[in-house]
PDB file of all heavy atoms in Angstrom:
ATOM      1  N   THR A   1     118.323  99.378  94.030  1.00  0.00           N
ATOM      2  CA  THR A   1     118.465 100.741  93.493  1.00  0.00           C
ATOM      3  C   THR A   1     118.974 101.726  94.545  1.00  0.00           C
ATOM      4  O   THR A   1     118.893 102.930  94.342  1.00  0.00           O
ATOM      5  CB  THR A   1     117.121 101.253  92.928  1.00  0.00           C
ATOM      6  OG1 THR A   1     116.129 101.196  93.966  1.00  0.00           O
ATOM      7  CG2 THR A   1     116.672 100.406  91.757  1.00  0.00           C
ATOM      8  N   GLN A   2     119.509 101.209  95.650  1.00  0.00           N
ATOM      9  CA  GLN A   2     119.928 102.111  96.716  1.00  0.00           C
ATOM     10  C   GLN A   2     121.117 102.993  96.336  1.00  0.00           C
ATOM     11  O   GLN A   2     121.364 104.015  96.969  1.00  0.00           O
ATOM     12  CB  GLN A   2     120.269 101.322  97.986  1.00  0.00           C
ATOM     13  CG  GLN A   2     121.508 100.432  97.900  1.00  0.00           C
ATOM     14  CD  GLN A   2     121.197  99.029  97.444  1.00  0.00           C
ATOM     15  OE1 GLN A   2     120.376  98.835  96.570  1.00  0.00           O
ATOM     16  NE2 GLN A   2     121.862  98.060  98.037  1.00  0.00           N
ATOM     17  N   TYR A   3     121.848 102.629  95.276  1.00  0.00           N
ATOM     18  CA  TYR A   3     122.990 103.433  94.837  1.00  0.00           C
ATOM     19  C   TYR A   3     122.661 104.257  93.596  1.00  0.00           C
ATOM     20  O   TYR A   3     123.571 104.779  92.946  1.00  0.00           O
ATOM     21  CB  TYR A   3     124.191 102.528  94.562  1.00  0.00           C
ATOM     22  CG  TYR A   3     124.627 101.733  95.770  1.00  0.00           C
ATOM     23  CD1 TYR A   3     124.483 100.343  95.803  1.00  0.00           C
ATOM     24  CD2 TYR A   3     125.152 102.364  96.899  1.00  0.00           C
ATOM     25  CE1 TYR A   3     124.863  99.608  96.909  1.00  0.00           C
ATOM     26  CE2 TYR A   3     125.541 101.636  98.016  1.00  0.00           C
ATOM     27  CZ  TYR A   3     125.390 100.257  98.009  1.00  0.00           C
ATOM     28  OH  TYR A   3     125.766  99.529  99.120  1.00  0.00           O
ATOM     29  N   ASN A   4     121.390 104.368  93.281  1.00  0.00           N
ATOM     30  CA  ASN A   4     120.998 105.172  92.127  1.00  0.00           C
ATOM     31  C   ASN A   4     121.467 106.619  92.289  1.00  0.00           C
ATOM     32  O   ASN A   4     121.250 107.243  93.326  1.00  0.00           O
ATOM     33  CB  ASN A   4     119.480 105.147  91.964  1.00  0.00           C
ATOM     34  CG  ASN A   4     119.002 106.022  90.836  1.00  0.00           C
ATOM     35  OD1 ASN A   4     119.396 105.834  89.689  1.00  0.00           O
ATOM     36  ND2 ASN A   4     118.148 106.975  91.150  1.00  0.00           N
ATOM     37  N   LYS A   5     122.103 107.137  91.269  1.00  0.00           N
ATOM     38  CA  LYS A   5     122.671 108.483  91.308  1.00  0.00           C
ATOM     39  C   LYS A   5     121.792 109.480  90.565  1.00  0.00           C
ATOM     40  O   LYS A   5     121.000 109.119  89.697  1.00  0.00           O
ATOM     41  CB  LYS A   5     124.082 108.489  90.687  1.00  0.00           C
ATOM     42  CG  LYS A   5     125.091 107.645  91.444  1.00  0.00           C
ATOM     43  CD  LYS A   5     125.300 108.161  92.858  1.00  0.00           C
ATOM     44  CE  LYS A   5     126.333 107.358  93.609  1.00  0.00           C
ATOM     45  NZ  LYS A   5     126.494 107.830  95.008  1.00  0.00           N
ATOM     46  N   ALA A   6     121.966 110.741  90.917  1.00  0.00           N
ATOM     47  CA  ALA A   6     121.193 111.817  90.297  1.00  0.00           C
ATOM     48  C   ALA A   6     121.556 111.983  88.831  1.00  0.00           C
ATOM     49  O   ALA A   6     122.674 111.714  88.406  1.00  0.00           O
ATOM     50  CB  ALA A   6     121.461 113.124  91.047  1.00  0.00           C
ATOM     51  N   ARG A   7     120.570 112.414  88.058  1.00  0.00           N
ATOM     52  CA  ARG A   7     120.766 112.887  86.687  1.00  0.00           C
ATOM     53  C   ARG A   7     121.469 111.875  85.776  1.00  0.00           C
ATOM     54  O   ARG A   7     122.301 112.242  84.959  1.00  0.00           O
ATOM     55  CB  ARG A   7     121.554 114.198  86.695  1.00  0.00           C
ATOM     56  CG  ARG A   7     120.892 115.317  87.479  1.00  0.00           C
ATOM     57  CD  ARG A   7     121.855 116.496  87.648  1.00  0.00           C
ATOM     58  NE  ARG A   7     121.286 117.572  88.426  1.00  0.00           N
ATOM     59  CZ  ARG A   7     120.675 118.634  87.902  1.00  0.00           C
ATOM     60  NH1 ARG A   7     120.564 118.752  86.597  1.00  0.00           N
ATOM     61  NH2 ARG A   7     120.185 119.576  88.679  1.00  0.00           N
ATOM     62  N   ASN A   8     121.160 110.616  85.925  1.00  0.00           N
ATOM     63  CA  ASN A   8     121.749 109.558  85.088  1.00  0.00           C
ATOM     64  C   ASN A   8     123.245 109.398  85.273  1.00  0.00           C
ATOM     65  O   ASN A   8     123.916 108.803  84.420  1.00  0.00           O
ATOM     66  CB  ASN A   8     121.460 109.797  83.599  1.00  0.00           C
ATOM     67  CG  ASN A   8     119.998 109.631  83.259  1.00  0.00           C
ATOM     68  OD1 ASN A   8     119.156 109.446  84.134  1.00  0.00           O
ATOM     69  ND2 ASN A   8     119.677 109.725  81.986  1.00  0.00           N
ATOM     70  N   ARG A   9     123.787 109.903  86.364  1.00  0.00           N
ATOM     71  CA  ARG A   9     125.213 109.685  86.620  1.00  0.00           C
ATOM     72  C   ARG A   9     125.437 108.231  86.987  1.00  0.00           C
ATOM     73  O   ARG A   9     124.621 107.623  87.671  1.00  0.00           O
ATOM     74  CB  ARG A   9     125.686 110.603  87.749  1.00  0.00           C
ATOM     75  CG  ARG A   9     125.650 112.077  87.375  1.00  0.00           C
ATOM     76  CD  ARG A   9     125.940 112.960  88.562  1.00  0.00           C
ATOM     77  NE  ARG A   9     125.832 114.377  88.200  1.00  0.00           N
ATOM     78  CZ  ARG A   9     125.367 115.319  89.002  1.00  0.00           C
ATOM     79  NH1 ARG A   9     124.944 115.004  90.226  1.00  0.00           N
ATOM     80  NH2 ARG A   9     125.303 116.569  88.602  1.00  0.00           N
ATOM     81  N   PRO A  10     126.543 107.644  86.561  1.00  0.00           N
ATOM     82  CA  PRO A  10     126.767 106.225  86.852  1.00  0.00           C
ATOM     83  C   PRO A  10     127.054 105.993  88.331  1.00  0.00           C
ATOM     84  O   PRO A  10     127.764 106.766  88.974  1.00  0.00           O
ATOM     85  CB  PRO A  10     127.987 105.878  85.993  1.00  0.00           C
ATOM     86  CG  PRO A  10     128.696 107.185  85.802  1.00  0.00           C
ATOM     87  CD  PRO A  10     127.619 108.230  85.742  1.00  0.00           C
ATOM     88  N   GLY A  11     126.477 104.946  88.867  1.00  0.00           N
ATOM     89  CA  GLY A  11     126.749 104.551  90.240  1.00  0.00           C
ATOM     90  C   GLY A  11     127.849 103.505  90.267  1.00  0.00           C
ATOM     91  O   GLY A  11     128.532 103.258  89.266  1.00  0.00           O
ATOM     92  N   PRO A  12     128.065 102.851  91.408  1.00  0.00           N
ATOM     93  CA  PRO A  12     129.074 101.793  91.491  1.00  0.00           C
ATOM     94  C   PRO A  12     128.818 100.701  90.463  1.00  0.00           C
ATOM     95  O   PRO A  12     127.670 100.414  90.112  1.00  0.00           O
ATOM     96  CB  PRO A  12     128.916 101.272  92.926  1.00  0.00           C
ATOM     97  CG  PRO A  12     128.303 102.409  93.681  1.00  0.00           C
ATOM     98  CD  PRO A  12     127.402 103.107  92.711  1.00  0.00           C
ATOM     99  N   LYS A  13     129.857 100.065  90.006  1.00  0.00           N
ATOM    100  CA  LYS A  13     129.746  99.032  88.990  1.00  0.00           C
ATOM    101  C   LYS A  13     128.804  97.923  89.453  1.00  0.00           C
ATOM    102  O   LYS A  13     128.895  97.447  90.580  1.00  0.00           O
ATOM    103  CB  LYS A  13     131.119  98.455  88.683  1.00  0.00           C
ATOM    104  CG  LYS A  13     131.115  97.436  87.545  1.00  0.00           C
ATOM    105  CD  LYS A  13     132.505  96.946  87.237  1.00  0.00           C
ATOM    106  CE  LYS A  13     132.493  95.928  86.090  1.00  0.00           C
ATOM    107  NZ  LYS A  13     133.864  95.433  85.788  1.00  0.00           N
ATOM    108  N   GLY A  14     127.901  97.541  88.564  1.00  0.00           N
ATOM    109  CA  GLY A  14     126.988  96.455  88.860  1.00  0.00           C
ATOM    110  C   GLY A  14     125.720  96.857  89.586  1.00  0.00           C
ATOM    111  O   GLY A  14     124.883  96.005  89.879  1.00  0.00           O
ATOM    112  N   THR A  15     125.541  98.158  89.880  1.00  0.00           N
ATOM    113  CA  THR A  15     124.339  98.601  90.586  1.00  0.00           C
ATOM    114  C   THR A  15     123.264  99.007  89.585  1.00  0.00           C
ATOM    115  O   THR A  15     123.554  99.318  88.431  1.00  0.00           O
ATOM    116  CB  THR A  15     124.633  99.776  91.520  1.00  0.00           C
ATOM    117  OG1 THR A  15     125.135 100.883  90.755  1.00  0.00           O
ATOM    118  CG2 THR A  15     125.683  99.386  92.562  1.00  0.00           C
ATOM    119  N   ARG A  16     122.041  99.016  90.057  1.00  0.00           N
ATOM    120  CA  ARG A  16     120.914  99.374  89.205  1.00  0.00           C
ATOM    121  C   ARG A  16     120.692 100.877  89.243  1.00  0.00           C
ATOM    122  O   ARG A  16     120.573 101.460  90.317  1.00  0.00           O
ATOM    123  CB  ARG A  16     119.662  98.635  89.663  1.00  0.00           C
ATOM    124  CG  ARG A  16     119.674  97.163  89.302  1.00  0.00           C
ATOM    125  CD  ARG A  16     118.534  96.403  89.936  1.00  0.00           C
ATOM    126  NE  ARG A  16     118.277  95.162  89.211  1.00  0.00           N
ATOM    127  CZ  ARG A  16     117.436  94.222  89.608  1.00  0.00           C
ATOM    128  NH1 ARG A  16     116.762  94.374  90.741  1.00  0.00           N
ATOM    129  NH2 ARG A  16     117.256  93.127  88.897  1.00  0.00           N
ATOM    130  N   GLN A  17     120.620 101.473  88.063  1.00  0.00           N
ATOM    131  CA  GLN A  17     120.452 102.909  87.945  1.00  0.00           C
ATOM    132  C   GLN A  17     119.141 103.217  87.220  1.00  0.00           C
ATOM    133  O   GLN A  17     118.706 102.456  86.364  1.00  0.00           O
ATOM    134  CB  GLN A  17     121.632 103.529  87.199  1.00  0.00           C
ATOM    135  CG  GLN A  17     122.984 103.296  87.859  1.00  0.00           C
ATOM    136  CD  GLN A  17     123.073 103.966  89.219  1.00  0.00           C
ATOM    137  OE1 GLN A  17     122.821 105.166  89.346  1.00  0.00           O
ATOM    138  NE2 GLN A  17     123.434 103.206  90.242  1.00  0.00           N
ATOM    139  N   LEU A  18     118.545 104.362  87.563  1.00  0.00           N
ATOM    140  CA  LEU A  18     117.251 104.759  87.017  1.00  0.00           C
ATOM    141  C   LEU A  18     117.378 106.040  86.211  1.00  0.00           C
ATOM    142  O   LEU A  18     118.161 106.921  86.564  1.00  0.00           O
ATOM    143  CB  LEU A  18     116.248 104.979  88.152  1.00  0.00           C
ATOM    144  CG  LEU A  18     116.083 103.836  89.155  1.00  0.00           C
ATOM    145  CD1 LEU A  18     115.120 104.246  90.266  1.00  0.00           C
ATOM    146  CD2 LEU A  18     115.604 102.572  88.461  1.00  0.00           C
ATOM    147  N   ASP A  19     116.588 106.153  85.154  1.00  0.00           N
ATOM    148  CA  ASP A  19     116.491 107.416  84.424  1.00  0.00           C
ATOM    149  C   ASP A  19     115.214 108.132  84.841  1.00  0.00           C
ATOM    150  O   ASP A  19     114.508 107.708  85.759  1.00  0.00           O
ATOM    151  CB  ASP A  19     116.532 107.180  82.909  1.00  0.00           C
ATOM    152  CG  ASP A  19     115.335 106.370  82.418  1.00  0.00           C
ATOM    153  OD1 ASP A  19     114.570 105.823  83.239  1.00  0.00           O
ATOM    154  OD2 ASP A  19     115.169 106.299  81.199  1.00  0.00           O
ATOM    155  N   CYS A  20     114.885 109.228  84.163  1.00  0.00           N
ATOM    156  CA  CYS A  20     113.727 110.019  84.584  1.00  0.00           C
ATOM    157  C   CYS A  20     112.406 109.290  84.363  1.00  0.00           C
ATOM    158  O   CYS A  20     111.428 109.550  85.072  1.00  0.00           O
ATOM    159  CB  CYS A  20     113.720 111.374  83.877  1.00  0.00           C
ATOM    160  SG  CYS A  20     113.617 111.283  82.074  1.00  0.00           S
ATOM    161  N   ILE A  21     112.359 108.371  83.392  1.00  0.00           N
ATOM    162  CA  ILE A  21     111.133 107.608  83.194  1.00  0.00           C
ATOM    163  C   ILE A  21     110.890 106.681  84.372  1.00  0.00           C
ATOM    164  O   ILE A  21     109.804 106.654  84.953  1.00  0.00           O
ATOM    165  CB  ILE A  21     111.196 106.821  81.875  1.00  0.00           C
ATOM    166  CG1 ILE A  21     111.203 107.780  80.690  1.00  0.00           C
ATOM    167  CG2 ILE A  21     110.023 105.854  81.762  1.00  0.00           C
ATOM    168  CD1 ILE A  21     111.372 107.102  79.351  1.00  0.00           C
ATOM    169  N   ALA A  22     111.904 105.911  84.729  1.00  0.00           N
ATOM    170  CA  ALA A  22     111.777 105.006  85.871  1.00  0.00           C
ATOM    171  C   ALA A  22     111.483 105.777  87.151  1.00  0.00           C
ATOM    172  O   ALA A  22     110.653 105.357  87.975  1.00  0.00           O
ATOM    173  CB  ALA A  22     113.047 104.175  86.028  1.00  0.00           C
ATOM    174  N   GLU A  23     112.144 106.914  87.332  1.00  0.00           N
ATOM    175  CA  GLU A  23     111.903 107.741  88.519  1.00  0.00           C
ATOM    176  C   GLU A  23     110.454 108.236  88.540  1.00  0.00           C
ATOM    177  O   GLU A  23     109.813 108.260  89.601  1.00  0.00           O
ATOM    178  CB  GLU A  23     112.858 108.934  88.537  1.00  0.00           C
ATOM    179  CG  GLU A  23     114.324 108.588  88.724  1.00  0.00           C
ATOM    180  CD  GLU A  23     114.711 108.496  90.187  1.00  0.00           C
ATOM    181  OE1 GLU A  23     113.827 108.303  91.053  1.00  0.00           O
ATOM    182  OE2 GLU A  23     115.918 108.627  90.467  1.00  0.00           O
ATOM    183  N   THR A  24     109.954 108.615  87.389  1.00  0.00           N
ATOM    184  CA  THR A  24     108.580 109.123  87.313  1.00  0.00           C
ATOM    185  C   THR A  24     107.570 108.035  87.667  1.00  0.00           C
ATOM    186  O   THR A  24     106.624 108.278  88.429  1.00  0.00           O
ATOM    187  CB  THR A  24     108.301 109.672  85.902  1.00  0.00           C
ATOM    188  OG1 THR A  24     109.146 110.811  85.670  1.00  0.00           O
ATOM    189  CG2 THR A  24     106.848 110.087  85.746  1.00  0.00           C
ATOM    190  N   VAL A  25     107.765 106.847  87.127  1.00  0.00           N
ATOM    191  CA  VAL A  25     106.844 105.749  87.433  1.00  0.00           C
ATOM    192  C   VAL A  25     106.896 105.411  88.919  1.00  0.00           C
ATOM    193  O   VAL A  25     105.860 105.300  89.590  1.00  0.00           O
ATOM    194  CB  VAL A  25     107.170 104.509  86.580  1.00  0.00           C
ATOM    195  CG1 VAL A  25     106.253 103.345  86.968  1.00  0.00           C
ATOM    196  CG2 VAL A  25     107.020 104.809  85.090  1.00  0.00           C
ATOM    197  N   ASN A  26     108.118 105.255  89.470  1.00  0.00           N
ATOM    198  CA  ASN A  26     108.242 104.889  90.880  1.00  0.00           C
ATOM    199  C   ASN A  26     107.662 105.961  91.794  1.00  0.00           C
ATOM    200  O   ASN A  26     106.982 105.649  92.780  1.00  0.00           O
ATOM    201  CB  ASN A  26     109.709 104.637  91.228  1.00  0.00           C
ATOM    202  CG  ASN A  26     110.230 103.337  90.653  1.00  0.00           C
ATOM    203  OD1 ASN A  26     109.475 102.545  90.092  1.00  0.00           O
ATOM    204  ND2 ASN A  26     111.518 103.107  90.785  1.00  0.00           N
ATOM    205  N   THR A  27     107.927 107.215  91.477  1.00  0.00           N
ATOM    206  CA  THR A  27     107.406 108.293  92.320  1.00  0.00           C
ATOM    207  C   THR A  27     105.886 108.333  92.274  1.00  0.00           C
ATOM    208  O   THR A  27     105.227 108.562  93.300  1.00  0.00           O
ATOM    209  CB  THR A  27     107.995 109.645  91.881  1.00  0.00           C
ATOM    210  OG1 THR A  27     109.421 109.585  91.960  1.00  0.00           O
ATOM    211  CG2 THR A  27     107.506 110.774  92.780  1.00  0.00           C
ATOM    212  N   THR A  28     105.315 108.099  91.093  1.00  0.00           N
ATOM    213  CA  THR A  28     103.850 108.050  90.989  1.00  0.00           C
ATOM    214  C   THR A  28     103.301 106.892  91.817  1.00  0.00           C
ATOM    215  O   THR A  28     102.234 107.012  92.441  1.00  0.00           O
ATOM    216  CB  THR A  28     103.419 107.931  89.519  1.00  0.00           C
ATOM    217  OG1 THR A  28     103.974 109.028  88.765  1.00  0.00           O
ATOM    218  CG2 THR A  28     101.905 107.966  89.385  1.00  0.00           C
ATOM    219  N   ILE A  29     104.005 105.784  91.860  1.00  0.00           N
ATOM    220  CA  ILE A  29     103.616 104.657  92.715  1.00  0.00           C
ATOM    221  C   ILE A  29     103.606 105.085  94.180  1.00  0.00           C
ATOM    222  O   ILE A  29     102.631 104.840  94.910  1.00  0.00           O
ATOM    223  CB  ILE A  29     104.570 103.471  92.514  1.00  0.00           C
ATOM    224  CG1 ILE A  29     104.368 102.839  91.142  1.00  0.00           C
ATOM    225  CG2 ILE A  29     104.383 102.417  93.618  1.00  0.00           C
ATOM    226  CD1 ILE A  29     105.438 101.837  90.766  1.00  0.00           C
ATOM    227  N   TYR A  30     104.677 105.723  94.630  1.00  0.00           N
ATOM    228  CA  TYR A  30     104.766 106.131  96.038  1.00  0.00           C
ATOM    229  C   TYR A  30     103.677 107.143  96.392  1.00  0.00           C
ATOM    230  O   TYR A  30     103.045 107.052  97.449  1.00  0.00           O
ATOM    231  CB  TYR A  30     106.150 106.721  96.322  1.00  0.00           C
ATOM    232  CG  TYR A  30     107.290 105.748  96.116  1.00  0.00           C
ATOM    233  CD1 TYR A  30     108.527 106.180  95.650  1.00  0.00           C
ATOM    234  CD2 TYR A  30     107.125 104.390  96.364  1.00  0.00           C
ATOM    235  CE1 TYR A  30     109.578 105.288  95.466  1.00  0.00           C
ATOM    236  CE2 TYR A  30     108.173 103.495  96.173  1.00  0.00           C
ATOM    237  CZ  TYR A  30     109.397 103.949  95.710  1.00  0.00           C
ATOM    238  OH  TYR A  30     110.438 103.063  95.521  1.00  0.00           O
ATOM    239  N   LEU A  31     103.459 108.097  95.497  1.00  0.00           N
ATOM    240  CA  LEU A  31     102.415 109.092  95.753  1.00  0.00           C
ATOM    241  C   LEU A  31     101.033 108.446  95.793  1.00  0.00           C
ATOM    242  O   LEU A  31     100.187 108.835  96.613  1.00  0.00           O
ATOM    243  CB  LEU A  31     102.458 110.173  94.672  1.00  0.00           C
ATOM    244  CG  LEU A  31     103.700 111.077  94.660  1.00  0.00           C
ATOM    245  CD1 LEU A  31     103.722 111.927  93.398  1.00  0.00           C
ATOM    246  CD2 LEU A  31     103.759 111.949  95.897  1.00  0.00           C
ATOM    247  N   THR A  32     100.809 107.469  94.932  1.00  0.00           N
ATOM    248  CA  THR A  32      99.523 106.770  94.926  1.00  0.00           C
ATOM    249  C   THR A  32      99.303 106.017  96.232  1.00  0.00           C
ATOM    250  O   THR A  32      98.180 105.985  96.765  1.00  0.00           O
ATOM    251  CB  THR A  32      99.447 105.804  93.728  1.00  0.00           C
ATOM    252  OG1 THR A  32      99.539 106.567  92.514  1.00  0.00           O
ATOM    253  CG2 THR A  32      98.142 105.020  93.732  1.00  0.00           C
ATOM    254  N   LEU A  33     100.353 105.422  96.775  1.00  0.00           N
ATOM    255  CA  LEU A  33     100.239 104.767  98.076  1.00  0.00           C
ATOM    256  C   LEU A  33      99.841 105.778  99.152  1.00  0.00           C
ATOM    257  O   LEU A  33      98.973 105.491  99.990  1.00  0.00           O
ATOM    258  CB  LEU A  33     101.552 104.092  98.460  1.00  0.00           C
ATOM    259  CG  LEU A  33     101.933 102.825  97.689  1.00  0.00           C
ATOM    260  CD1 LEU A  33     103.296 102.337  98.141  1.00  0.00           C
ATOM    261  CD2 LEU A  33     100.879 101.740  97.884  1.00  0.00           C
ATOM    262  N   LEU A  34     100.467 106.942  99.137  1.00  0.00           N
ATOM    263  CA  LEU A  34     100.123 107.981 100.119  1.00  0.00           C
ATOM    264  C   LEU A  34      98.661 108.395  99.964  1.00  0.00           C
ATOM    265  O   LEU A  34      97.950 108.575 100.963  1.00  0.00           O
ATOM    266  CB  LEU A  34     101.034 109.192  99.954  1.00  0.00           C
ATOM    267  CG  LEU A  34     102.529 108.961 100.192  1.00  0.00           C
ATOM    268  CD1 LEU A  34     103.294 110.275  99.989  1.00  0.00           C
ATOM    269  CD2 LEU A  34     102.803 108.408 101.588  1.00  0.00           C
ATOM    270  N   GLU A  35      98.223 108.542  98.723  1.00  0.00           N
ATOM    271  CA  GLU A  35      96.833 108.938  98.477  1.00  0.00           C
ATOM    272  C   GLU A  35      95.865 107.835  98.903  1.00  0.00           C
ATOM    273  O   GLU A  35      94.855 108.101  99.563  1.00  0.00           O
ATOM    274  CB  GLU A  35      96.648 109.263  97.002  1.00  0.00           C
ATOM    275  CG  GLU A  35      95.256 109.763  96.643  1.00  0.00           C
ATOM    276  CD  GLU A  35      95.165 110.161  95.183  1.00  0.00           C
ATOM    277  OE1 GLU A  35      95.369 109.285  94.312  1.00  0.00           O
ATOM    278  OE2 GLU A  35      94.896 111.338  94.903  1.00  0.00           O
ATOM    279  N   ASP A  36      96.180 106.588  98.545  1.00  0.00           N
ATOM    280  CA  ASP A  36      95.290 105.476  98.881  1.00  0.00           C
ATOM    281  C   ASP A  36      95.167 105.277 100.392  1.00  0.00           C
ATOM    282  O   ASP A  36      94.125 104.808 100.873  1.00  0.00           O
ATOM    283  CB  ASP A  36      95.786 104.184  98.238  1.00  0.00           C
ATOM    284  CG  ASP A  36      95.588 104.158  96.736  1.00  0.00           C
ATOM    285  OD1 ASP A  36      94.871 105.037  96.215  1.00  0.00           O
ATOM    286  OD2 ASP A  36      96.162 103.262  96.078  1.00  0.00           O
ATOM    287  N   GLU A  37      96.225 105.611 101.120  1.00  0.00           N
ATOM    288  CA  GLU A  37      96.224 105.456 102.580  1.00  0.00           C
ATOM    289  C   GLU A  37      95.752 106.732 103.283  1.00  0.00           C
ATOM    290  O   GLU A  37      95.930 106.874 104.495  1.00  0.00           O
ATOM    291  CB  GLU A  37      97.622 105.066 103.062  1.00  0.00           C
ATOM    292  CG  GLU A  37      98.073 103.694 102.587  1.00  0.00           C
ATOM    293  CD  GLU A  37      97.205 102.569 103.125  1.00  0.00           C
ATOM    294  OE1 GLU A  37      96.938 102.578 104.342  1.00  0.00           O
ATOM    295  OE2 GLU A  37      96.792 101.697 102.334  1.00  0.00           O
ATOM    296  N   HIS A  38      95.202 107.666 102.509  1.00  0.00           N
ATOM    297  CA  HIS A  38      94.597 108.893 103.038  1.00  0.00           C
ATOM    298  C   HIS A  38      95.620 109.760 103.791  1.00  0.00           C
ATOM    299  O   HIS A  38      95.295 110.406 104.789  1.00  0.00           O
ATOM    300  CB  HIS A  38      93.422 108.563 103.963  1.00  0.00           C
ATOM    301  CG  HIS A  38      92.422 107.634 103.349  1.00  0.00           C
ATOM    302  ND1 HIS A  38      91.601 108.010 102.302  1.00  0.00           N
ATOM    303  CD2 HIS A  38      92.144 106.327 103.607  1.00  0.00           C
ATOM    304  CE1 HIS A  38      90.837 106.979 101.954  1.00  0.00           C
ATOM    305  NE2 HIS A  38      91.146 105.955 102.724  1.00  0.00           N
ATOM    306  N   LEU A  39      96.837 109.787 103.262  1.00  0.00           N
ATOM    307  CA  LEU A  39      97.896 110.594 103.868  1.00  0.00           C
ATOM    308  C   LEU A  39      98.097 111.920 103.146  1.00  0.00           C
ATOM    309  O   LEU A  39      98.914 112.734 103.580  1.00  0.00           O
ATOM    310  CB  LEU A  39      99.212 109.807 103.902  1.00  0.00           C
ATOM    311  CG  LEU A  39      99.181 108.541 104.761  1.00  0.00           C
ATOM    312  CD1 LEU A  39     100.489 107.773 104.623  1.00  0.00           C
ATOM    313  CD2 LEU A  39      98.923 108.889 106.231  1.00  0.00           C
ATOM    314  N   LEU A  40      97.387 112.127 102.045  1.00  0.00           N
ATOM    315  CA  LEU A  40      97.418 113.410 101.346  1.00  0.00           C
ATOM    316  C   LEU A  40      96.141 114.163 101.671  1.00  0.00           C
ATOM    317  O   LEU A  40      95.041 113.716 101.335  1.00  0.00           O
ATOM    318  CB  LEU A  40      97.535 113.210  99.832  1.00  0.00           C
ATOM    319  CG  LEU A  40      98.794 112.515  99.321  1.00  0.00           C
ATOM    320  CD1 LEU A  40      98.763 112.425  97.801  1.00  0.00           C
ATOM    321  CD2 LEU A  40     100.055 113.208  99.794  1.00  0.00           C
ATOM    322  N   LEU A  41      96.276 115.306 102.320  1.00  0.00           N
ATOM    323  CA  LEU A  41      95.120 116.092 102.726  1.00  0.00           C
ATOM    324  C   LEU A  41      94.789 117.197 101.735  1.00  0.00           C
ATOM    325  O   LEU A  41      93.633 117.594 101.604  1.00  0.00           O
ATOM    326  CB  LEU A  41      95.370 116.710 104.106  1.00  0.00           C
ATOM    327  CG  LEU A  41      95.729 115.737 105.237  1.00  0.00           C
ATOM    328  CD1 LEU A  41      95.971 116.508 106.526  1.00  0.00           C
ATOM    329  CD2 LEU A  41      94.635 114.695 105.419  1.00  0.00           C
ATOM    330  N   TYR A  42      95.808 117.720 101.059  1.00  0.00           N
ATOM    331  CA  TYR A  42      95.629 118.897 100.211  1.00  0.00           C
ATOM    332  C   TYR A  42      95.943 118.639  98.738  1.00  0.00           C
ATOM    333  O   TYR A  42      95.858 119.559  97.926  1.00  0.00           O
ATOM    334  CB  TYR A  42      96.533 120.034 100.696  1.00  0.00           C
ATOM    335  CG  TYR A  42      96.296 120.446 102.122  1.00  0.00           C
ATOM    336  CD1 TYR A  42      97.121 119.983 103.155  1.00  0.00           C
ATOM    337  CD2 TYR A  42      95.245 121.297 102.462  1.00  0.00           C
ATOM    338  CE1 TYR A  42      96.903 120.367 104.478  1.00  0.00           C
ATOM    339  CE2 TYR A  42      95.016 121.682 103.766  1.00  0.00           C
ATOM    340  CZ  TYR A  42      95.847 121.209 104.769  1.00  0.00           C
ATOM    341  OH  TYR A  42      95.621 121.585 106.073  1.00  0.00           O
ATOM    342  N   HIS A  43      96.314 117.406  98.391  1.00  0.00           N
ATOM    343  CA  HIS A  43      96.740 117.121  97.025  1.00  0.00           C
ATOM    344  C   HIS A  43      96.161 115.803  96.534  1.00  0.00           C
ATOM    345  O   HIS A  43      95.820 114.918  97.324  1.00  0.00           O
ATOM    346  CB  HIS A  43      98.267 117.060  96.933  1.00  0.00           C
ATOM    347  CG  HIS A  43      98.950 118.338  97.284  1.00  0.00           C
ATOM    348  ND1 HIS A  43      99.238 118.689  98.588  1.00  0.00           N
ATOM    349  CD2 HIS A  43      99.392 119.353  96.502  1.00  0.00           C
ATOM    350  CE1 HIS A  43      99.832 119.875  98.595  1.00  0.00           C
ATOM    351  NE2 HIS A  43      99.929 120.296  97.344  1.00  0.00           N
ATOM    352  N   GLN A  44      96.085 115.687  95.193  1.00  0.00           N
ATOM    353  CA  GLN A  44      95.739 114.456  94.517  1.00  0.00           C
ATOM    354  C   GLN A  44      96.857 114.100  93.548  1.00  0.00           C
ATOM    355  O   GLN A  44      97.563 114.987  93.049  1.00  0.00           O
ATOM    356  CB  GLN A  44      94.432 114.626  93.739  1.00  0.00           C
ATOM    357  CG  GLN A  44      93.220 114.948  94.594  1.00  0.00           C
ATOM    358  CD  GLN A  44      91.996 115.287  93.754  1.00  0.00           C
ATOM    359  OE1 GLN A  44      92.125 115.785  92.637  1.00  0.00           O
ATOM    360  NE2 GLN A  44      90.824 115.012  94.289  1.00  0.00           N
ATOM    361  N   VAL A  45      97.015 112.820  93.275  1.00  0.00           N
ATOM    362  CA  VAL A  45      98.035 112.382  92.331  1.00  0.00           C
ATOM    363  C   VAL A  45      97.498 112.531  90.915  1.00  0.00           C
ATOM    364  O   VAL A  45      96.385 112.076  90.611  1.00  0.00           O
ATOM    365  CB  VAL A  45      98.446 110.923  92.593  1.00  0.00           C
ATOM    366  CG1 VAL A  45      99.607 110.531  91.677  1.00  0.00           C
ATOM    367  CG2 VAL A  45      98.832 110.729  94.061  1.00  0.00           C
ATOM    368  N   ALA A  46      98.267 113.162  90.060  1.00  0.00           N
ATOM    369  CA  ALA A  46      97.883 113.369  88.665  1.00  0.00           C
ATOM    370  C   ALA A  46      98.765 112.530  87.757  1.00  0.00           C
ATOM    371  O   ALA A  46      99.721 111.881  88.200  1.00  0.00           O
ATOM    372  CB  ALA A  46      97.999 114.846  88.302  1.00  0.00           C
TER     373      ALA A  46
END
């Protein structure tokens, strides 16, 4: 997904692209990792 483009714009042919649902799930995963590793001092993942 390294060529994923903003706002559902198409990337290079044959690359994997993400929409807002996939972005939301992945971002929640990353934030949860930060929270689980005690790297968030002022926030919680919702």
